[in-house]
Amino acid sequence: MVKLNYDSRALEDLNLIYHYLKRNSPNYAKTIITKIKERIRTLKDFPKMGRIVPEIEKTEFRELIEQGYRIVYQLNGTIIILTIFHSRERFPLDL
């Protein structure tokens, strides 16, 4: 099992997603955040399950899609969740 960590940016992303969705439906916000976190946890057992991020094209940068959100992570012996954003948003160029 591989160790999994969150970058502070990814934690802030989760917080922003939750508060944005919560404005319309607190239950839906909780459901989406739970699904994202569950998807992330699967990386511990299957760290290479995500595709290589097309915008970066380096094998250590991968992503999963969950409920329309892109979960970008780096795999270098450990997993670091870098950012989480909706697929309709532009890819953050400062990674």
PDB file of N, CA and C in Angstrom:
ATOM      1  N   MET A   1       0.841  -1.179   0.000  1.00  0.00           N
ATOM      2  CA  MET A   1       0.000   0.000   0.000  1.00  0.00           C
ATOM      3  C   MET A   1       0.888   1.245   0.000  1.00  0.00           C
ATOM      4  N   VAL A   2       0.550   2.190  -0.849  1.00  0.00           N
ATOM      5  CA  VAL A   2       1.324   3.416  -1.009  1.00  0.00           C
ATOM      6  C   VAL A   2       0.786   4.491  -0.069  1.00  0.00           C
ATOM      7  N   LYS A   3       1.686   5.310   0.467  1.00  0.00           N
ATOM      8  CA  LYS A   3       1.285   6.410   1.343  1.00  0.00           C
ATOM      9  C   LYS A   3       0.644   7.514   0.520  1.00  0.00           C
ATOM     10  N   LEU A   4      -0.417   8.121   1.053  1.00  0.00           N
ATOM     11  CA  LEU A   4      -1.169   9.148   0.358  1.00  0.00           C
ATOM     12  C   LEU A   4      -1.190  10.425   1.182  1.00  0.00           C
ATOM     13  N   ASN A   5      -0.875  11.553   0.555  1.00  0.00           N
ATOM     14  CA  ASN A   5      -0.890  12.855   1.214  1.00  0.00           C
ATOM     15  C   ASN A   5      -1.642  13.858   0.354  1.00  0.00           C
ATOM     16  N   TYR A   6      -2.154  14.887   0.994  1.00  0.00           N
ATOM     17  CA  TYR A   6      -2.820  15.985   0.296  1.00  0.00           C
ATOM     18  C   TYR A   6      -1.941  17.225   0.358  1.00  0.00           C
ATOM     19  N   ASP A   7      -1.741  17.865  -0.775  1.00  0.00           N
ATOM     20  CA  ASP A   7      -1.126  19.187  -0.802  1.00  0.00           C
ATOM     21  C   ASP A   7      -2.137  20.168  -0.211  1.00  0.00           C
ATOM     22  N   SER A   8      -1.660  21.248   0.382  1.00  0.00           N
ATOM     23  CA  SER A   8      -2.573  22.232   0.981  1.00  0.00           C
ATOM     24  C   SER A   8      -3.535  22.802  -0.064  1.00  0.00           C
ATOM     25  N   ARG A   9      -3.079  22.907  -1.298  1.00  0.00           N
ATOM     26  CA  ARG A   9      -3.942  23.406  -2.374  1.00  0.00           C
ATOM     27  C   ARG A   9      -5.137  22.474  -2.575  1.00  0.00           C
ATOM     28  N   ALA A  10      -4.913  21.166  -2.568  1.00  0.00           N
ATOM     29  CA  ALA A  10      -5.993  20.199  -2.760  1.00  0.00           C
ATOM     30  C   ALA A  10      -6.990  20.263  -1.605  1.00  0.00           C
ATOM     31  N   LEU A  11      -6.505  20.451  -0.394  1.00  0.00           N
ATOM     32  CA  LEU A  11      -7.402  20.581   0.755  1.00  0.00           C
ATOM     33  C   LEU A  11      -8.264  21.827   0.619  1.00  0.00           C
ATOM     34  N   GLU A  12      -7.661  22.908   0.164  1.00  0.00           N
ATOM     35  CA  GLU A  12      -8.417  24.143  -0.064  1.00  0.00           C
ATOM     36  C   GLU A  12      -9.431  23.944  -1.191  1.00  0.00           C
ATOM     37  N   ASP A  13      -9.046  23.223  -2.228  1.00  0.00           N
ATOM     38  CA  ASP A  13      -9.967  22.923  -3.329  1.00  0.00           C
ATOM     39  C   ASP A  13     -11.202  22.189  -2.813  1.00  0.00           C
ATOM     40  N   LEU A  14     -10.997  21.175  -1.985  1.00  0.00           N
ATOM     41  CA  LEU A  14     -12.125  20.425  -1.417  1.00  0.00           C
ATOM     42  C   LEU A  14     -13.035  21.338  -0.602  1.00  0.00           C
ATOM     43  N   ASN A  15     -12.439  22.206   0.163  1.00  0.00           N
ATOM     44  CA  ASN A  15     -13.193  23.148   0.973  1.00  0.00           C
ATOM     45  C   ASN A  15     -14.027  24.082   0.086  1.00  0.00           C
ATOM     46  N   LEU A  16     -13.411  24.603  -0.969  1.00  0.00           N
ATOM     47  CA  LEU A  16     -14.116  25.512  -1.873  1.00  0.00           C
ATOM     48  C   LEU A  16     -15.250  24.791  -2.606  1.00  0.00           C
ATOM     49  N   ILE A  17     -15.001  23.572  -3.053  1.00  0.00           N
ATOM     50  CA  ILE A  17     -16.035  22.789  -3.734  1.00  0.00           C
ATOM     51  C   ILE A  17     -17.221  22.563  -2.795  1.00  0.00           C
ATOM     52  N   TYR A  18     -16.915  22.154  -1.566  1.00  0.00           N
ATOM     53  CA  TYR A  18     -17.972  21.906  -0.591  1.00  0.00           C
ATOM     54  C   TYR A  18     -18.828  23.151  -0.361  1.00  0.00           C
ATOM     55  N   HIS A  19     -18.180  24.273  -0.108  1.00  0.00           N
ATOM     56  CA  HIS A  19     -18.928  25.493   0.197  1.00  0.00           C
ATOM     57  C   HIS A  19     -19.698  26.022  -1.009  1.00  0.00           C
ATOM     58  N   TYR A  20     -19.166  25.827  -2.187  1.00  0.00           N
ATOM     59  CA  TYR A  20     -19.883  26.227  -3.401  1.00  0.00           C
ATOM     60  C   TYR A  20     -21.150  25.393  -3.567  1.00  0.00           C
ATOM     61  N   LEU A  21     -21.035  24.080  -3.445  1.00  0.00           N
ATOM     62  CA  LEU A  21     -22.188  23.193  -3.614  1.00  0.00           C
ATOM     63  C   LEU A  21     -23.189  23.319  -2.468  1.00  0.00           C
ATOM     64  N   LYS A  22     -22.686  23.612  -1.299  1.00  0.00           N
ATOM     65  CA  LYS A  22     -23.527  23.713  -0.101  1.00  0.00           C
ATOM     66  C   LYS A  22     -24.563  24.838  -0.218  1.00  0.00           C
ATOM     67  N   ARG A  23     -24.258  25.852  -1.012  1.00  0.00           N
ATOM     68  CA  ARG A  23     -25.197  26.977  -1.155  1.00  0.00           C
ATOM     69  C   ARG A  23     -26.554  26.504  -1.675  1.00  0.00           C
ATOM     70  N   ASN A  24     -26.539  25.496  -2.539  1.00  0.00           N
ATOM     71  CA  ASN A  24     -27.784  24.978  -3.106  1.00  0.00           C
ATOM     72  C   ASN A  24     -28.296  23.735  -2.395  1.00  0.00           C
ATOM     73  N   SER A  25     -27.370  22.912  -1.903  1.00  0.00           N
ATOM     74  CA  SER A  25     -27.795  21.668  -1.259  1.00  0.00           C
ATOM     75  C   SER A  25     -26.690  21.117  -0.362  1.00  0.00           C
ATOM     76  N   PRO A  26     -26.827  21.275   0.945  1.00  0.00           N
ATOM     77  CA  PRO A  26     -25.826  20.730   1.867  1.00  0.00           C
ATOM     78  C   PRO A  26     -25.646  19.210   1.720  1.00  0.00           C
ATOM     79  N   ASN A  27     -26.738  18.496   1.495  1.00  0.00           N
ATOM     80  CA  ASN A  27     -26.638  17.042   1.345  1.00  0.00           C
ATOM     81  C   ASN A  27     -25.866  16.662   0.088  1.00  0.00           C
ATOM     82  N   TYR A  28     -26.146  17.352  -1.003  1.00  0.00           N
ATOM     83  CA  TYR A  28     -25.431  17.077  -2.254  1.00  0.00           C
ATOM     84  C   TYR A  28     -23.945  17.385  -2.089  1.00  0.00           C
ATOM     85  N   ALA A  29     -23.627  18.478  -1.413  1.00  0.00           N
ATOM     86  CA  ALA A  29     -22.226  18.854  -1.177  1.00  0.00           C
ATOM     87  C   ALA A  29     -21.501  17.751  -0.417  1.00  0.00           C
ATOM     88  N   LYS A  30     -22.121  17.235   0.633  1.00  0.00           N
ATOM     89  CA  LYS A  30     -21.515  16.157   1.419  1.00  0.00           C
ATOM     90  C   LYS A  30     -21.319  14.905   0.565  1.00  0.00           C
ATOM     91  N   THR A  31     -22.324  14.589  -0.244  1.00  0.00           N
ATOM     92  CA  THR A  31     -22.248  13.403  -1.103  1.00  0.00           C
ATOM     93  C   THR A  31     -21.093  13.500  -2.085  1.00  0.00           C
ATOM     94  N   ILE A  32     -20.959  14.637  -2.740  1.00  0.00           N
ATOM     95  CA  ILE A  32     -19.888  14.817  -3.734  1.00  0.00           C
ATOM     96  C   ILE A  32     -18.517  14.737  -3.072  1.00  0.00           C
ATOM     97  N   ILE A  33     -18.324  15.408  -1.955  1.00  0.00           N
ATOM     98  CA  ILE A  33     -17.033  15.387  -1.258  1.00  0.00           C
ATOM     99  C   ILE A  33     -16.720  13.958  -0.807  1.00  0.00           C
ATOM    100  N   THR A  34     -17.707  13.246  -0.305  1.00  0.00           N
ATOM    101  CA  THR A  34     -17.504  11.856   0.107  1.00  0.00           C
ATOM    102  C   THR A  34     -17.073  10.996  -1.079  1.00  0.00           C
ATOM    103  N   LYS A  35     -17.738  11.153  -2.215  1.00  0.00           N
ATOM    104  CA  LYS A  35     -17.380  10.369  -3.399  1.00  0.00           C
ATOM    105  C   LYS A  35     -15.971  10.687  -3.889  1.00  0.00           C
ATOM    106  N   ILE A  36     -15.595  11.951  -3.854  1.00  0.00           N
ATOM    107  CA  ILE A  36     -14.239  12.343  -4.265  1.00  0.00           C
ATOM    108  C   ILE A  36     -13.211  11.700  -3.335  1.00  0.00           C
ATOM    109  N   LYS A  37     -13.452  11.782  -2.032  1.00  0.00           N
ATOM    110  CA  LYS A  37     -12.512  11.210  -1.066  1.00  0.00           C
ATOM    111  C   LYS A  37     -12.426   9.688  -1.188  1.00  0.00           C
ATOM    112  N   GLU A  38     -13.552   9.039  -1.431  1.00  0.00           N
ATOM    113  CA  GLU A  38     -13.539   7.582  -1.612  1.00  0.00           C
ATOM    114  C   GLU A  38     -12.725   7.203  -2.848  1.00  0.00           C
ATOM    115  N   ARG A  39     -12.898   7.961  -3.908  1.00  0.00           N
ATOM    116  CA  ARG A  39     -12.140   7.705  -5.143  1.00  0.00           C
ATOM    117  C   ARG A  39     -10.645   7.878  -4.891  1.00  0.00           C
ATOM    118  N   ILE A  40     -10.287   8.905  -4.139  1.00  0.00           N
ATOM    119  CA  ILE A  40      -8.885   9.146  -3.814  1.00  0.00           C
ATOM    120  C   ILE A  40      -8.314   7.990  -3.001  1.00  0.00           C
ATOM    121  N   ARG A  41      -9.079   7.472  -2.058  1.00  0.00           N
ATOM    122  CA  ARG A  41      -8.606   6.362  -1.218  1.00  0.00           C
ATOM    123  C   ARG A  41      -8.269   5.115  -2.035  1.00  0.00           C
ATOM    124  N   THR A  42      -8.937   4.918  -3.164  1.00  0.00           N
ATOM    125  CA  THR A  42      -8.638   3.744  -3.993  1.00  0.00           C
ATOM    126  C   THR A  42      -7.217   3.792  -4.544  1.00  0.00           C
ATOM    127  N   LEU A  43      -6.627   4.976  -4.585  1.00  0.00           N
ATOM    128  CA  LEU A  43      -5.255   5.114  -5.087  1.00  0.00           C
ATOM    129  C   LEU A  43      -4.244   4.390  -4.196  1.00  0.00           C
ATOM    130  N   LYS A  44      -4.547   4.228  -2.929  1.00  0.00           N
ATOM    131  CA  LYS A  44      -3.623   3.534  -2.025  1.00  0.00           C
ATOM    132  C   LYS A  44      -3.325   2.123  -2.526  1.00  0.00           C
ATOM    133  N   ASP A  45      -4.343   1.468  -3.068  1.00  0.00           N
ATOM    134  CA  ASP A  45      -4.174   0.106  -3.571  1.00  0.00           C
ATOM    135  C   ASP A  45      -3.837   0.056  -5.060  1.00  0.00           C
ATOM    136  N   PHE A  46      -4.258   1.079  -5.792  1.00  0.00           N
ATOM    137  CA  PHE A  46      -4.047   1.103  -7.241  1.00  0.00           C
ATOM    138  C   PHE A  46      -3.511   2.477  -7.670  1.00  0.00           C
ATOM    139  N   PRO A  47      -2.276   2.807  -7.308  1.00  0.00           N
ATOM    140  CA  PRO A  47      -1.758   4.160  -7.544  1.00  0.00           C
ATOM    141  C   PRO A  47      -1.630   4.559  -9.014  1.00  0.00           C
ATOM    142  N   LYS A  48      -1.535   3.600  -9.906  1.00  0.00           N
ATOM    143  CA  LYS A  48      -1.382   3.932 -11.322  1.00  0.00           C
ATOM    144  C   LYS A  48      -2.700   3.876 -12.088  1.00  0.00           C
ATOM    145  N   MET A  49      -3.810   3.815 -11.377  1.00  0.00           N
ATOM    146  CA  MET A  49      -5.097   3.682 -12.056  1.00  0.00           C
ATOM    147  C   MET A  49      -5.498   4.936 -12.822  1.00  0.00           C
ATOM    148  N   GLY A  50      -4.988   6.084 -12.441  1.00  0.00           N
ATOM    149  CA  GLY A  50      -5.326   7.315 -13.135  1.00  0.00           C
ATOM    150  C   GLY A  50      -4.573   7.450 -14.447  1.00  0.00           C
ATOM    151  N   ARG A  51      -5.162   8.218 -15.347  1.00  0.00           N
ATOM    152  CA  ARG A  51      -4.489   8.458 -16.630  1.00  0.00           C
ATOM    153  C   ARG A  51      -3.433   9.542 -16.464  1.00  0.00           C
ATOM    154  N   ILE A  52      -2.473   9.561 -17.381  1.00  0.00           N
ATOM    155  CA  ILE A  52      -1.471  10.619 -17.396  1.00  0.00           C
ATOM    156  C   ILE A  52      -2.180  11.925 -17.762  1.00  0.00           C
ATOM    157  N   VAL A  53      -1.873  12.985 -17.060  1.00  0.00           N
ATOM    158  CA  VAL A  53      -2.521  14.277 -17.295  1.00  0.00           C
ATOM    159  C   VAL A  53      -2.109  14.800 -18.676  1.00  0.00           C
ATOM    160  N   PRO A  54      -3.069  14.996 -19.584  1.00  0.00           N
ATOM    161  CA  PRO A  54      -2.726  15.411 -20.953  1.00  0.00           C
ATOM    162  C   PRO A  54      -1.982  16.747 -21.021  1.00  0.00           C
ATOM    163  N   GLU A  55      -2.299  17.670 -20.119  1.00  0.00           N
ATOM    164  CA  GLU A  55      -1.668  18.987 -20.151  1.00  0.00           C
ATOM    165  C   GLU A  55      -0.210  18.960 -19.701  1.00  0.00           C
ATOM    166  N   ILE A  56       0.185  17.916 -18.979  1.00  0.00           N
ATOM    167  CA  ILE A  56       1.549  17.836 -18.452  1.00  0.00           C
ATOM    168  C   ILE A  56       2.377  16.797 -19.206  1.00  0.00           C
ATOM    169  N   GLU A  57       1.785  15.657 -19.520  1.00  0.00           N
ATOM    170  CA  GLU A  57       2.431  14.577 -20.265  1.00  0.00           C
ATOM    171  C   GLU A  57       3.707  14.029 -19.618  1.00  0.00           C
ATOM    172  N   LYS A  58       3.726  13.983 -18.309  1.00  0.00           N
ATOM    173  CA  LYS A  58       4.801  13.327 -17.570  1.00  0.00           C
ATOM    174  C   LYS A  58       4.160  12.199 -16.776  1.00  0.00           C
ATOM    175  N   THR A  59       4.790  11.033 -16.799  1.00  0.00           N
ATOM    176  CA  THR A  59       4.156   9.844 -16.226  1.00  0.00           C
ATOM    177  C   THR A  59       3.884   9.943 -14.724  1.00  0.00           C
ATOM    178  N   GLU A  60       4.597  10.793 -14.007  1.00  0.00           N
ATOM    179  CA  GLU A  60       4.358  10.885 -12.562  1.00  0.00           C
ATOM    180  C   GLU A  60       3.144  11.750 -12.221  1.00  0.00           C
ATOM    181  N   PHE A  61       2.592  12.479 -13.194  1.00  0.00           N
ATOM    182  CA  PHE A  61       1.393  13.289 -12.969  1.00  0.00           C
ATOM    183  C   PHE A  61       0.199  12.578 -13.591  1.00  0.00           C
ATOM    184  N   ARG A  62      -0.750  12.208 -12.735  1.00  0.00           N
ATOM    185  CA  ARG A  62      -1.904  11.436 -13.174  1.00  0.00           C
ATOM    186  C   ARG A  62      -3.176  12.074 -12.640  1.00  0.00           C
ATOM    187  N   GLU A  63      -4.296  11.602 -13.164  1.00  0.00           N
ATOM    188  CA  GLU A  63      -5.565  12.140 -12.683  1.00  0.00           C
ATOM    189  C   GLU A  63      -6.666  11.098 -12.726  1.00  0.00           C
ATOM    190  N   LEU A  64      -7.610  11.289 -11.832  1.00  0.00           N
ATOM    191  CA  LEU A  64      -8.849  10.529 -11.797  1.00  0.00           C
ATOM    192  C   LEU A  64      -9.986  11.514 -12.031  1.00  0.00           C
ATOM    193  N   ILE A  65     -11.079  11.024 -12.563  1.00  0.00           N
ATOM    194  CA  ILE A  65     -12.274  11.842 -12.727  1.00  0.00           C
ATOM    195  C   ILE A  65     -13.352  11.263 -11.819  1.00  0.00           C
ATOM    196  N   GLU A  66     -13.980  12.131 -11.038  1.00  0.00           N
ATOM    197  CA  GLU A  66     -15.081  11.704 -10.176  1.00  0.00           C
ATOM    198  C   GLU A  66     -16.137  12.802 -10.151  1.00  0.00           C
ATOM    199  N   GLN A  67     -17.341  12.446 -10.571  1.00  0.00           N
ATOM    200  CA  GLN A  67     -18.464  13.380 -10.555  1.00  0.00           C
ATOM    201  C   GLN A  67     -18.136  14.685 -11.299  1.00  0.00           C
ATOM    202  N   GLY A  68     -17.372  14.574 -12.360  1.00  0.00           N
ATOM    203  CA  GLY A  68     -17.013  15.756 -13.149  1.00  0.00           C
ATOM    204  C   GLY A  68     -15.822  16.531 -12.616  1.00  0.00           C
ATOM    205  N   TYR A  69     -15.222  16.062 -11.534  1.00  0.00           N
ATOM    206  CA  TYR A  69     -14.061  16.725 -10.949  1.00  0.00           C
ATOM    207  C   TYR A  69     -12.785  15.982 -11.311  1.00  0.00           C
ATOM    208  N   ARG A  70     -11.773  16.738 -11.682  1.00  0.00           N
ATOM    209  CA  ARG A  70     -10.466  16.161 -11.996  1.00  0.00           C
ATOM    210  C   ARG A  70      -9.619  16.173 -10.733  1.00  0.00           C
ATOM    211  N   ILE A  71      -9.139  15.018 -10.358  1.00  0.00           N
ATOM    212  CA  ILE A  71      -8.295  14.865  -9.168  1.00  0.00           C
ATOM    213  C   ILE A  71      -6.885  14.612  -9.688  1.00  0.00           C
ATOM    214  N   VAL A  72      -6.033  15.614  -9.590  1.00  0.00           N
ATOM    215  CA  VAL A  72      -4.674  15.525 -10.128  1.00  0.00           C
ATOM    216  C   VAL A  72      -3.728  15.158  -8.999  1.00  0.00           C
ATOM    217  N   TYR A  73      -2.901  14.135  -9.259  1.00  0.00           N
ATOM    218  CA  TYR A  73      -1.953  13.703  -8.240  1.00  0.00           C
ATOM    219  C   TYR A  73      -0.601  13.397  -8.855  1.00  0.00           C
ATOM    220  N   GLN A  74       0.400  13.401  -7.989  1.00  0.00           N
ATOM    221  CA  GLN A  74       1.769  13.070  -8.389  1.00  0.00           C
ATOM    222  C   GLN A  74       2.146  11.768  -7.718  1.00  0.00           C
ATOM    223  N   LEU A  75       2.755  10.888  -8.499  1.00  0.00           N
ATOM    224  CA  LEU A  75       3.158   9.580  -7.999  1.00  0.00           C
ATOM    225  C   LEU A  75       4.674   9.481  -8.094  1.00  0.00           C
ATOM    226  N   ASN A  76       5.310   9.556  -6.936  1.00  0.00           N
ATOM    227  CA  ASN A  76       6.773   9.446  -6.824  1.00  0.00           C
ATOM    228  C   ASN A  76       7.101   8.626  -5.588  1.00  0.00           C
ATOM    229  N   GLY A  77       6.710   7.374  -5.573  1.00  0.00           N
ATOM    230  CA  GLY A  77       6.895   6.555  -4.377  1.00  0.00           C
ATOM    231  C   GLY A  77       5.769   6.761  -3.384  1.00  0.00           C
ATOM    232  N   THR A  78       5.291   7.980  -3.256  1.00  0.00           N
ATOM    233  CA  THR A  78       4.091   8.301  -2.488  1.00  0.00           C
ATOM    234  C   THR A  78       3.120   9.002  -3.433  1.00  0.00           C
ATOM    235  N   ILE A  79       1.899   9.115  -2.991  1.00  0.00           N
ATOM    236  CA  ILE A  79       0.875   9.811  -3.767  1.00  0.00           C
ATOM    237  C   ILE A  79       0.628  11.153  -3.110  1.00  0.00           C
ATOM    238  N   ILE A  80       0.707  12.206  -3.899  1.00  0.00           N
ATOM    239  CA  ILE A  80       0.390  13.543  -3.395  1.00  0.00           C
ATOM    240  C   ILE A  80      -0.760  14.087  -4.233  1.00  0.00           C
ATOM    241  N   ILE A  81      -1.899  14.323  -3.598  1.00  0.00           N
ATOM    242  CA  ILE A  81      -3.032  14.927  -4.286  1.00  0.00           C
ATOM    243  C   ILE A  81      -2.708  16.414  -4.428  1.00  0.00           C
ATOM    244  N   LEU A  82      -2.593  16.871  -5.662  1.00  0.00           N
ATOM    245  CA  LEU A  82      -2.138  18.234  -5.927  1.00  0.00           C
ATOM    246  C   LEU A  82      -3.275  19.242  -6.026  1.00  0.00           C
ATOM    247  N   THR A  83      -4.318  18.896  -6.766  1.00  0.00           N
ATOM    248  CA  THR A  83      -5.438  19.821  -6.959  1.00  0.00           C
ATOM    249  C   THR A  83      -6.669  19.046  -7.381  1.00  0.00           C
ATOM    250  N   ILE A  84      -7.814  19.645  -7.124  1.00  0.00           N
ATOM    251  CA  ILE A  84      -9.104  19.060  -7.503  1.00  0.00           C
ATOM    252  C   ILE A  84      -9.933  20.201  -8.069  1.00  0.00           C
ATOM    253  N   PHE A  85     -10.407  20.037  -9.283  1.00  0.00           N
ATOM    254  CA  PHE A  85     -11.192  21.105  -9.906  1.00  0.00           C
ATOM    255  C   PHE A  85     -12.183  20.513 -10.889  1.00  0.00           C
ATOM    256  N   HIS A  86     -13.219  21.270 -11.202  1.00  0.00           N
ATOM    257  CA  HIS A  86     -14.239  20.777 -12.119  1.00  0.00           C
ATOM    258  C   HIS A  86     -13.693  20.746 -13.537  1.00  0.00           C
ATOM    259  N   SER A  87     -14.092  19.747 -14.285  1.00  0.00           N
ATOM    260  CA  SER A  87     -13.561  19.563 -15.636  1.00  0.00           C
ATOM    261  C   SER A  87     -13.941  20.701 -16.584  1.00  0.00           C
ATOM    262  N   ARG A  88     -14.919  21.509 -16.232  1.00  0.00           N
ATOM    263  CA  ARG A  88     -15.264  22.669 -17.064  1.00  0.00           C
ATOM    264  C   ARG A  88     -14.311  23.840 -16.837  1.00  0.00           C
ATOM    265  N   GLU A  89     -13.540  23.767 -15.771  1.00  0.00           N
ATOM    266  CA  GLU A  89     -12.585  24.849 -15.472  1.00  0.00           C
ATOM    267  C   GLU A  89     -11.300  24.632 -16.244  1.00  0.00           C
ATOM    268  N   ARG A  90     -10.545  25.692 -16.404  1.00  0.00           N
ATOM    269  CA  ARG A  90      -9.247  25.600 -17.072  1.00  0.00           C
ATOM    270  C   ARG A  90      -8.260  24.892 -16.151  1.00  0.00           C
ATOM    271  N   PHE A  91      -7.346  24.156 -16.784  1.00  0.00           N
ATOM    272  CA  PHE A  91      -6.314  23.468 -16.007  1.00  0.00           C
ATOM    273  C   PHE A  91      -5.404  24.510 -15.365  1.00  0.00           C
ATOM    274  N   PRO A  92      -5.126  24.374 -14.065  1.00  0.00           N
ATOM    275  CA  PRO A  92      -4.231  25.335 -13.402  1.00  0.00           C
ATOM    276  C   PRO A  92      -2.794  25.186 -13.925  1.00  0.00           C
ATOM    277  N   LEU A  93      -2.276  26.222 -14.491  1.00  0.00           N
ATOM    278  CA  LEU A  93      -0.954  26.157 -15.133  1.00  0.00           C
ATOM    279  C   LEU A  93       0.195  26.249 -14.145  1.00  0.00           C
ATOM    280  N   ASP A  94      -0.104  26.510 -12.888  1.00  0.00           N
ATOM    281  CA  ASP A  94       0.967  26.694 -11.896  1.00  0.00           C
ATOM    282  C   ASP A  94       1.295  25.434 -11.121  1.00  0.00           C
ATOM    283  N   LEU A  95       1.016  24.275 -11.676  1.00  0.00           N
ATOM    284  CA  LEU A  95       1.375  23.020 -11.004  1.00  0.00           C
ATOM    285  C   LEU A  95       2.833  22.673 -11.247  1.00  0.00           C
TER     286      LEU A  95
END
